[in-house]
C-alpha cells in the first residue's frame, strides 16, 4: 500500500515521524523528490527512487552487519530532513579540519589538498542545486562523506583523523546557530524598517484603538505601527 502525498508515493508503513521530520524541514514533495529549503540548493530523495538505489550503503555503525538495514528503519532513523540545513557549516568545518591535518603533517599534504578540493567541489554542487541527499544517507554528515568518497576514494576516510562525529556535530550546530541568529537579527531590522515606512506614509490616518478586543479611543495608524517597531 502507498500513500500519495503531492504526487509522491510513500510506502504506507513509512513511520509518520519520518514524514513529519521532512515536512517540518520546510520542503515540498514534487515528482518523488523532496526539496528541502530550495534557496539552499539541496534535495532529499524519498519514495522508491534514489532511496532504494542507495539503500544498504555502508553505514558508520554497520561494519559488522551482513545485510543492509530494512527500508523502514532507514526512514525512521534518518535525520536529513533536519540537518540538511547545516550542510554549508558541515563542509566548511571539514575544510578547516583537513587544512589543519595537512599543515601539521598528520595527513600527507597532497592528500589533504585533494580532500579539500573535493569538499569545495561538493560546496559548488550545493550552490548549483546539484547535490542530493537520500534517506539512506541518514544525516548530512554521512551524505557529504559519501559524495567525498565518490570523488577521492579511500583517502576520504582520513578526514575524521583527530575528530569524532560528536566534535563535528557540535561545530556544525555552533556555526549554524550563529548564522541563524544573524539572519534573524537582520530580518527583525527589515521588519522594523517596514513598520516605520508604513507609519511615515500614513501619518494622518486615524483608526480605532482596541482594549480587550473592544474598540476604544481613536489613535493614529502611525502610533499603532510604532508600538511594534
C-alpha atoms as a PDB file:
ATOM      1  CA  UNK A   1       0.000   0.000   0.000  1.00  0.00           C
ATOM      2  CA  UNK A   2       1.173   3.505  -0.791  1.00  0.00           C
ATOM      3  CA  UNK A   3       0.039   6.880   0.463  1.00  0.00           C
ATOM      4  CA  UNK A   4       0.187   9.546  -2.239  1.00  0.00           C
ATOM      5  CA  UNK A   5       1.188  12.932  -0.940  1.00  0.00           C
ATOM      6  CA  UNK A   6       1.553  15.696  -3.512  1.00  0.00           C
ATOM      7  CA  UNK A   7       2.302  13.132  -6.246  1.00  0.00           C
ATOM      8  CA  UNK A   8       4.972  11.303  -4.244  1.00  0.00           C
ATOM      9  CA  UNK A   9       4.247   7.667  -3.386  1.00  0.00           C
ATOM     10  CA  UNK A  10       5.235   6.942   0.201  1.00  0.00           C
ATOM     11  CA  UNK A  11       5.091   3.340   1.477  1.00  0.00           C
ATOM     12  CA  UNK A  12       2.218   3.141   3.950  1.00  0.00           C
ATOM     13  CA  UNK A  13       4.493   1.529   6.525  1.00  0.00           C
ATOM     14  CA  UNK A  14       6.835   4.522   6.499  1.00  0.00           C
ATOM     15  CA  UNK A  15       6.813   5.827  10.092  1.00  0.00           C
ATOM     16  CA  UNK A  16       4.838   9.021  10.488  1.00  0.00           C
ATOM     17  CA  UNK A  17       7.808  10.521  12.349  1.00  0.00           C
ATOM     18  CA  UNK A  18       9.988  10.376   9.243  1.00  0.00           C
ATOM     19  CA  UNK A  19       7.377  12.178   7.171  1.00  0.00           C
ATOM     20  CA  UNK A  20       6.818  14.767   9.894  1.00  0.00           C
ATOM     21  CA  UNK A  21      10.546  15.401  10.014  1.00  0.00           C
ATOM     22  CA  UNK A  22      10.632  16.123   6.293  1.00  0.00           C
ATOM     23  CA  UNK A  23       7.554  18.339   6.449  1.00  0.00           C
ATOM     24  CA  UNK A  24       8.986  20.268   9.410  1.00  0.00           C
ATOM     25  CA  UNK A  25      12.158  20.913   7.433  1.00  0.00           C
ATOM     26  CA  UNK A  26      10.189  23.234   5.205  1.00  0.00           C
ATOM     27  CA  UNK A  27      10.306  21.318   1.954  1.00  0.00           C
ATOM     28  CA  UNK A  28       7.819  20.005  -0.529  1.00  0.00           C
ATOM     29  CA  UNK A  29       7.231  16.800  -2.446  1.00  0.00           C
ATOM     30  CA  UNK A  30       7.394  17.011  -6.220  1.00  0.00           C
ATOM     31  CA  UNK A  31       7.760  14.051  -8.534  1.00  0.00           C
ATOM     32  CA  UNK A  32       9.273  11.824  -5.881  1.00  0.00           C
ATOM     33  CA  UNK A  33      11.914  14.344  -4.808  1.00  0.00           C
ATOM     34  CA  UNK A  34      11.684  16.161  -1.514  1.00  0.00           C
ATOM     35  CA  UNK A  35      13.030  19.649  -1.980  1.00  0.00           C
ATOM     36  CA  UNK A  36      14.432  20.960   1.288  1.00  0.00           C
ATOM     37  CA  UNK A  37      14.784  24.727   1.524  1.00  0.00           C
ATOM     38  CA  UNK A  38      15.007  25.491  -2.208  1.00  0.00           C
ATOM     39  CA  UNK A  39      17.200  28.534  -1.614  1.00  0.00           C
ATOM     40  CA  UNK A  40      19.755  26.225  -0.020  1.00  0.00           C
ATOM     41  CA  UNK A  41      20.028  24.156  -3.184  1.00  0.00           C
ATOM     42  CA  UNK A  42      19.857  20.704  -1.565  1.00  0.00           C
ATOM     43  CA  UNK A  43      17.461  17.895  -2.355  1.00  0.00           C
ATOM     44  CA  UNK A  44      16.393  14.891  -0.324  1.00  0.00           C
ATOM     45  CA  UNK A  45      15.128  11.897  -2.269  1.00  0.00           C
ATOM     46  CA  UNK A  46      12.180   9.904  -0.949  1.00  0.00           C
ATOM     47  CA  UNK A  47       9.845   7.141  -2.086  1.00  0.00           C
ATOM     48  CA  UNK A  48      11.159   4.211  -4.121  1.00  0.00           C
ATOM     49  CA  UNK A  49      13.605   6.116  -6.322  1.00  0.00           C
ATOM     50  CA  UNK A  50      17.044   7.155  -5.151  1.00  0.00           C
ATOM     51  CA  UNK A  51      16.326   5.894  -1.667  1.00  0.00           C
ATOM     52  CA  UNK A  52      16.129   2.343  -2.955  1.00  0.00           C
ATOM     53  CA  UNK A  53      19.165   2.899  -5.155  1.00  0.00           C
ATOM     54  CA  UNK A  54      21.318   3.840  -2.173  1.00  0.00           C
ATOM     55  CA  UNK A  55      19.619   1.546   0.335  1.00  0.00           C
ATOM     56  CA  UNK A  56      22.119  -0.587   2.181  1.00  0.00           C
ATOM     57  CA  UNK A  57      25.017   1.758   1.576  1.00  0.00           C
ATOM     58  CA  UNK A  58      27.818   1.468   4.104  1.00  0.00           C
ATOM     59  CA  UNK A  59      26.821   2.850   7.492  1.00  0.00           C
ATOM     60  CA  UNK A  60      29.172   4.340  10.027  1.00  0.00           C
ATOM     61  CA  UNK A  61      27.719   1.890  12.546  1.00  0.00           C
ATOM     62  CA  UNK A  62      27.101  -1.087  10.258  1.00  0.00           C
ATOM     63  CA  UNK A  63      30.525  -2.647   9.798  1.00  0.00           C
ATOM     64  CA  UNK A  64      29.581  -5.948  11.438  1.00  0.00           C
ATOM     65  CA  UNK A  65      26.204  -6.411   9.767  1.00  0.00           C
ATOM     66  CA  UNK A  66      25.990  -8.888   6.903  1.00  0.00           C
ATOM     67  CA  UNK A  67      22.797  -7.404   5.437  1.00  0.00           C
ATOM     68  CA  UNK A  68      21.611  -3.898   4.783  1.00  0.00           C
ATOM     69  CA  UNK A  69      19.032  -2.367   7.154  1.00  0.00           C
ATOM     70  CA  UNK A  70      15.334  -2.544   6.401  1.00  0.00           C
ATOM     71  CA  UNK A  71      13.967   0.452   4.491  1.00  0.00           C
ATOM     72  CA  UNK A  72      11.561   1.151   7.357  1.00  0.00           C
ATOM     73  CA  UNK A  73      14.475   1.519   9.758  1.00  0.00           C
ATOM     74  CA  UNK A  74      16.263   3.842   7.359  1.00  0.00           C
ATOM     75  CA  UNK A  75      13.174   6.041   7.058  1.00  0.00           C
ATOM     76  CA  UNK A  76      12.684   6.155  10.825  1.00  0.00           C
ATOM     77  CA  UNK A  77      16.354   6.747  11.640  1.00  0.00           C
ATOM     78  CA  UNK A  78      17.135   9.416   9.038  1.00  0.00           C
ATOM     79  CA  UNK A  79      17.677  12.995  10.181  1.00  0.00           C
ATOM     80  CA  UNK A  80      18.446  14.503   6.773  1.00  0.00           C
ATOM     81  CA  UNK A  81      15.169  16.416   6.892  1.00  0.00           C
ATOM     82  CA  UNK A  82      16.584  18.451   9.754  1.00  0.00           C
ATOM     83  CA  UNK A  83      20.350  18.612   9.487  1.00  0.00           C
ATOM     84  CA  UNK A  84      20.415  19.330   5.743  1.00  0.00           C
ATOM     85  CA  UNK A  85      20.106  22.946   6.898  1.00  0.00           C
ATOM     86  CA  UNK A  86      23.685  22.728   8.228  1.00  0.00           C
ATOM     87  CA  UNK A  87      25.305  21.429   5.050  1.00  0.00           C
ATOM     88  CA  UNK A  88      27.395  24.543   4.434  1.00  0.00           C
ATOM     89  CA  UNK A  89      28.652  24.581   8.002  1.00  0.00           C
ATOM     90  CA  UNK A  90      29.432  20.881   7.763  1.00  0.00           C
ATOM     91  CA  UNK A  91      31.515  21.316   4.610  1.00  0.00           C
ATOM     92  CA  UNK A  92      33.339  24.412   5.841  1.00  0.00           C
ATOM     93  CA  UNK A  93      34.120  22.748   9.160  1.00  0.00           C
ATOM     94  CA  UNK A  94      35.605  19.784   7.324  1.00  0.00           C
ATOM     95  CA  UNK A  95      37.669  22.100   5.113  1.00  0.00           C
ATOM     96  CA  UNK A  96      39.139  23.815   8.178  1.00  0.00           C
ATOM     97  CA  UNK A  97      39.873  20.454   9.794  1.00  0.00           C
ATOM     98  CA  UNK A  98      41.602  18.903   6.789  1.00  0.00           C
ATOM     99  CA  UNK A  99      43.737  22.037   6.370  1.00  0.00           C
ATOM    100  CA  UNK A 100      44.914  21.569   9.948  1.00  0.00           C
ATOM    101  CA  UNK A 101      45.693  17.905   9.289  1.00  0.00           C
ATOM    102  CA  UNK A 102      47.829  18.833   6.300  1.00  0.00           C
ATOM    103  CA  UNK A 103      49.667  21.741   7.939  1.00  0.00           C
ATOM    104  CA  UNK A 104      50.517  19.604  10.969  1.00  0.00           C
ATOM    105  CA  UNK A 105      51.689  16.736   8.703  1.00  0.00           C
ATOM    106  CA  UNK A 106      49.172  14.415  10.307  1.00  0.00           C
ATOM    107  CA  UNK A 107      47.878  13.618   6.822  1.00  0.00           C
ATOM    108  CA  UNK A 108      50.147  13.926   3.745  1.00  0.00           C
ATOM    109  CA  UNK A 109      49.808  17.406   2.282  1.00  0.00           C
ATOM    110  CA  UNK A 110      48.881  16.142  -1.177  1.00  0.00           C
ATOM    111  CA  UNK A 111      46.068  14.023   0.255  1.00  0.00           C
ATOM    112  CA  UNK A 112      44.830  16.910   2.414  1.00  0.00           C
ATOM    113  CA  UNK A 113      44.799  19.145  -0.669  1.00  0.00           C
ATOM    114  CA  UNK A 114      42.840  16.523  -2.628  1.00  0.00           C
ATOM    115  CA  UNK A 115      40.254  16.211   0.145  1.00  0.00           C
ATOM    116  CA  UNK A 116      39.895  19.985   0.452  1.00  0.00           C
ATOM    117  CA  UNK A 117      39.499  20.376  -3.294  1.00  0.00           C
ATOM    118  CA  UNK A 118      36.783  17.724  -3.336  1.00  0.00           C
ATOM    119  CA  UNK A 119      34.987  19.416  -0.437  1.00  0.00           C
ATOM    120  CA  UNK A 120      34.962  22.686  -2.362  1.00  0.00           C
ATOM    121  CA  UNK A 121      33.541  20.766  -5.313  1.00  0.00           C
ATOM    122  CA  UNK A 122      30.747  19.452  -3.097  1.00  0.00           C
ATOM    123  CA  UNK A 123      30.098  23.005  -1.923  1.00  0.00           C
ATOM    124  CA  UNK A 124      29.848  24.085  -5.546  1.00  0.00           C
ATOM    125  CA  UNK A 125      27.335  21.322  -6.218  1.00  0.00           C
ATOM    126  CA  UNK A 126      25.282  22.531  -3.254  1.00  0.00           C
ATOM    127  CA  UNK A 127      25.308  26.117  -4.527  1.00  0.00           C
ATOM    128  CA  UNK A 128      24.335  24.964  -8.020  1.00  0.00           C
ATOM    129  CA  UNK A 129      21.467  22.831  -6.707  1.00  0.00           C
ATOM    130  CA  UNK A 130      23.120  19.660  -7.985  1.00  0.00           C
ATOM    131  CA  UNK A 131      23.786  17.944  -4.647  1.00  0.00           C
ATOM    132  CA  UNK A 132      21.268  15.448  -3.302  1.00  0.00           C
ATOM    133  CA  UNK A 133      20.845  13.513  -0.086  1.00  0.00           C
ATOM    134  CA  UNK A 134      18.893  10.319   0.361  1.00  0.00           C
ATOM    135  CA  UNK A 135      17.136   8.886   3.373  1.00  0.00           C
ATOM    136  CA  UNK A 136      19.699   6.081   3.188  1.00  0.00           C
ATOM    137  CA  UNK A 137      22.392   8.682   3.987  1.00  0.00           C
ATOM    138  CA  UNK A 138      20.775   9.073   7.423  1.00  0.00           C
ATOM    139  CA  UNK A 139      22.276  12.525   8.035  1.00  0.00           C
ATOM    140  CA  UNK A 140      24.003  15.368   6.244  1.00  0.00           C
ATOM    141  CA  UNK A 141      27.445  14.366   7.537  1.00  0.00           C
ATOM    142  CA  UNK A 142      27.231  10.883   6.050  1.00  0.00           C
ATOM    143  CA  UNK A 143      25.808  12.263   2.818  1.00  0.00           C
ATOM    144  CA  UNK A 144      28.722  14.664   2.363  1.00  0.00           C
ATOM    145  CA  UNK A 145      31.207  11.911   3.176  1.00  0.00           C
ATOM    146  CA  UNK A 146      29.546   9.593   0.644  1.00  0.00           C
ATOM    147  CA  UNK A 147      29.992  12.177  -2.072  1.00  0.00           C
ATOM    148  CA  UNK A 148      33.552  12.889  -0.920  1.00  0.00           C
ATOM    149  CA  UNK A 149      34.425   9.203  -1.170  1.00  0.00           C
ATOM    150  CA  UNK A 150      32.969   9.132  -4.681  1.00  0.00           C
ATOM    151  CA  UNK A 151      35.328  11.956  -5.647  1.00  0.00           C
ATOM    152  CA  UNK A 152      38.629  10.982  -3.963  1.00  0.00           C
ATOM    153  CA  UNK A 153      38.206   7.365  -2.937  1.00  0.00           C
ATOM    154  CA  UNK A 154      39.510   5.821   0.274  1.00  0.00           C
ATOM    155  CA  UNK A 155      41.547   8.809   1.443  1.00  0.00           C
ATOM    156  CA  UNK A 156      38.222  10.445   2.302  1.00  0.00           C
ATOM    157  CA  UNK A 157      38.277   8.363   5.487  1.00  0.00           C
ATOM    158  CA  UNK A 158      41.280  10.342   6.733  1.00  0.00           C
ATOM    159  CA  UNK A 159      39.046  13.373   7.181  1.00  0.00           C
ATOM    160  CA  UNK A 160      37.989  12.004  10.573  1.00  0.00           C
ATOM    161  CA  UNK A 161      41.549  11.790  11.871  1.00  0.00           C
ATOM    162  CA  UNK A 162      41.600  13.543  15.234  1.00  0.00           C
ATOM    163  CA  UNK A 163      37.895  14.430  15.070  1.00  0.00           C
ATOM    164  CA  UNK A 164      34.917  12.487  16.371  1.00  0.00           C
ATOM    165  CA  UNK A 165      31.409  12.706  14.966  1.00  0.00           C
ATOM    166  CA  UNK A 166      30.381  14.492  18.167  1.00  0.00           C
ATOM    167  CA  UNK A 167      33.068  17.123  17.531  1.00  0.00           C
ATOM    168  CA  UNK A 168      31.745  17.576  14.018  1.00  0.00           C
ATOM    169  CA  UNK A 169      28.099  17.870  15.047  1.00  0.00           C
ATOM    170  CA  UNK A 170      28.874  20.333  17.866  1.00  0.00           C
ATOM    171  CA  UNK A 171      30.864  22.532  15.466  1.00  0.00           C
ATOM    172  CA  UNK A 172      28.104  22.426  12.844  1.00  0.00           C
ATOM    173  CA  UNK A 173      25.477  23.410  15.404  1.00  0.00           C
ATOM    174  CA  UNK A 174      27.593  26.231  16.794  1.00  0.00           C
ATOM    175  CA  UNK A 175      28.231  27.887  13.449  1.00  0.00           C
ATOM    176  CA  UNK A 176      24.721  27.227  12.101  1.00  0.00           C
ATOM    177  CA  UNK A 177      23.254  28.845  15.231  1.00  0.00           C
ATOM    178  CA  UNK A 178      25.486  31.890  14.753  1.00  0.00           C
ATOM    179  CA  UNK A 179      24.403  32.225  11.132  1.00  0.00           C
ATOM    180  CA  UNK A 180      20.728  31.851  12.022  1.00  0.00           C
ATOM    181  CA  UNK A 181      20.969  34.474  14.775  1.00  0.00           C
ATOM    182  CA  UNK A 182      22.482  36.925  12.300  1.00  0.00           C
ATOM    183  CA  UNK A 183      19.747  36.169   9.751  1.00  0.00           C
ATOM    184  CA  UNK A 184      17.021  36.576  12.379  1.00  0.00           C
ATOM    185  CA  UNK A 185      18.528  39.856  13.581  1.00  0.00           C
ATOM    186  CA  UNK A 186      18.712  41.146  10.006  1.00  0.00           C
ATOM    187  CA  UNK A 187      15.100  40.093   9.444  1.00  0.00           C
ATOM    188  CA  UNK A 188      13.973  41.942  12.555  1.00  0.00           C
ATOM    189  CA  UNK A 189      15.734  45.091  11.374  1.00  0.00           C
ATOM    190  CA  UNK A 190      13.996  44.851   7.991  1.00  0.00           C
ATOM    191  CA  UNK A 191      10.665  44.273   9.730  1.00  0.00           C
ATOM    192  CA  UNK A 192      11.155  47.346  11.922  1.00  0.00           C
ATOM    193  CA  UNK A 193      12.065  49.443   8.885  1.00  0.00           C
ATOM    194  CA  UNK A 194       8.937  48.260   7.085  1.00  0.00           C
ATOM    195  CA  UNK A 195       6.757  49.302  10.033  1.00  0.00           C
ATOM    196  CA  UNK A 196       8.407  52.735  10.107  1.00  0.00           C
ATOM    197  CA  UNK A 197       7.781  53.112   6.376  1.00  0.00           C
ATOM    198  CA  UNK A 198       4.076  52.345   6.857  1.00  0.00           C
ATOM    199  CA  UNK A 199       3.943  54.837   9.742  1.00  0.00           C
ATOM    200  CA  UNK A 200       5.568  57.625   7.677  1.00  0.00           C
ATOM    201  CA  UNK A 201       3.297  57.011   4.702  1.00  0.00           C
ATOM    202  CA  UNK A 202       0.154  57.034   6.880  1.00  0.00           C
ATOM    203  CA  UNK A 203       0.984  59.704   9.443  1.00  0.00           C
ATOM    204  CA  UNK A 204      -2.541  61.203   9.363  1.00  0.00           C
ATOM    205  CA  UNK A 205      -4.576  58.009   9.115  1.00  0.00           C
ATOM    206  CA  UNK A 206      -6.920  57.585  12.087  1.00  0.00           C
ATOM    207  CA  UNK A 207      -8.017  54.156  13.317  1.00  0.00           C
ATOM    208  CA  UNK A 208      -9.865  52.830  16.361  1.00  0.00           C
ATOM    209  CA  UNK A 209      -7.724  51.658  19.219  1.00  0.00           C
ATOM    210  CA  UNK A 210      -8.643  48.430  20.948  1.00  0.00           C
ATOM    211  CA  UNK A 211      -8.612  47.203  24.512  1.00  0.00           C
ATOM    212  CA  UNK A 212      -9.537  43.599  25.324  1.00  0.00           C
ATOM    213  CA  UNK A 213     -10.816  43.210  21.755  1.00  0.00           C
ATOM    214  CA  UNK A 214     -13.215  46.129  22.198  1.00  0.00           C
ATOM    215  CA  UNK A 215     -12.968  49.436  20.379  1.00  0.00           C
ATOM    216  CA  UNK A 216     -11.570  52.250  22.480  1.00  0.00           C
ATOM    217  CA  UNK A 217     -10.273  55.756  21.738  1.00  0.00           C
ATOM    218  CA  UNK A 218      -9.228  56.819  18.238  1.00  0.00           C
ATOM    219  CA  UNK A 219      -5.494  56.591  17.538  1.00  0.00           C
ATOM    220  CA  UNK A 220      -3.174  57.165  14.625  1.00  0.00           C
ATOM    221  CA  UNK A 221      -2.124  54.217  12.480  1.00  0.00           C
ATOM    222  CA  UNK A 222       1.453  55.502  12.755  1.00  0.00           C
ATOM    223  CA  UNK A 223       1.219  55.307  16.549  1.00  0.00           C
ATOM    224  CA  UNK A 224      -0.028  51.722  16.244  1.00  0.00           C
ATOM    225  CA  UNK A 225       2.874  50.798  13.937  1.00  0.00           C
ATOM    226  CA  UNK A 226       5.388  52.285  16.354  1.00  0.00           C
ATOM    227  CA  UNK A 227       4.078  50.003  19.072  1.00  0.00           C
ATOM    228  CA  UNK A 228       5.564  47.060  17.156  1.00  0.00           C
ATOM    229  CA  UNK A 229       8.646  48.709  15.681  1.00  0.00           C
END
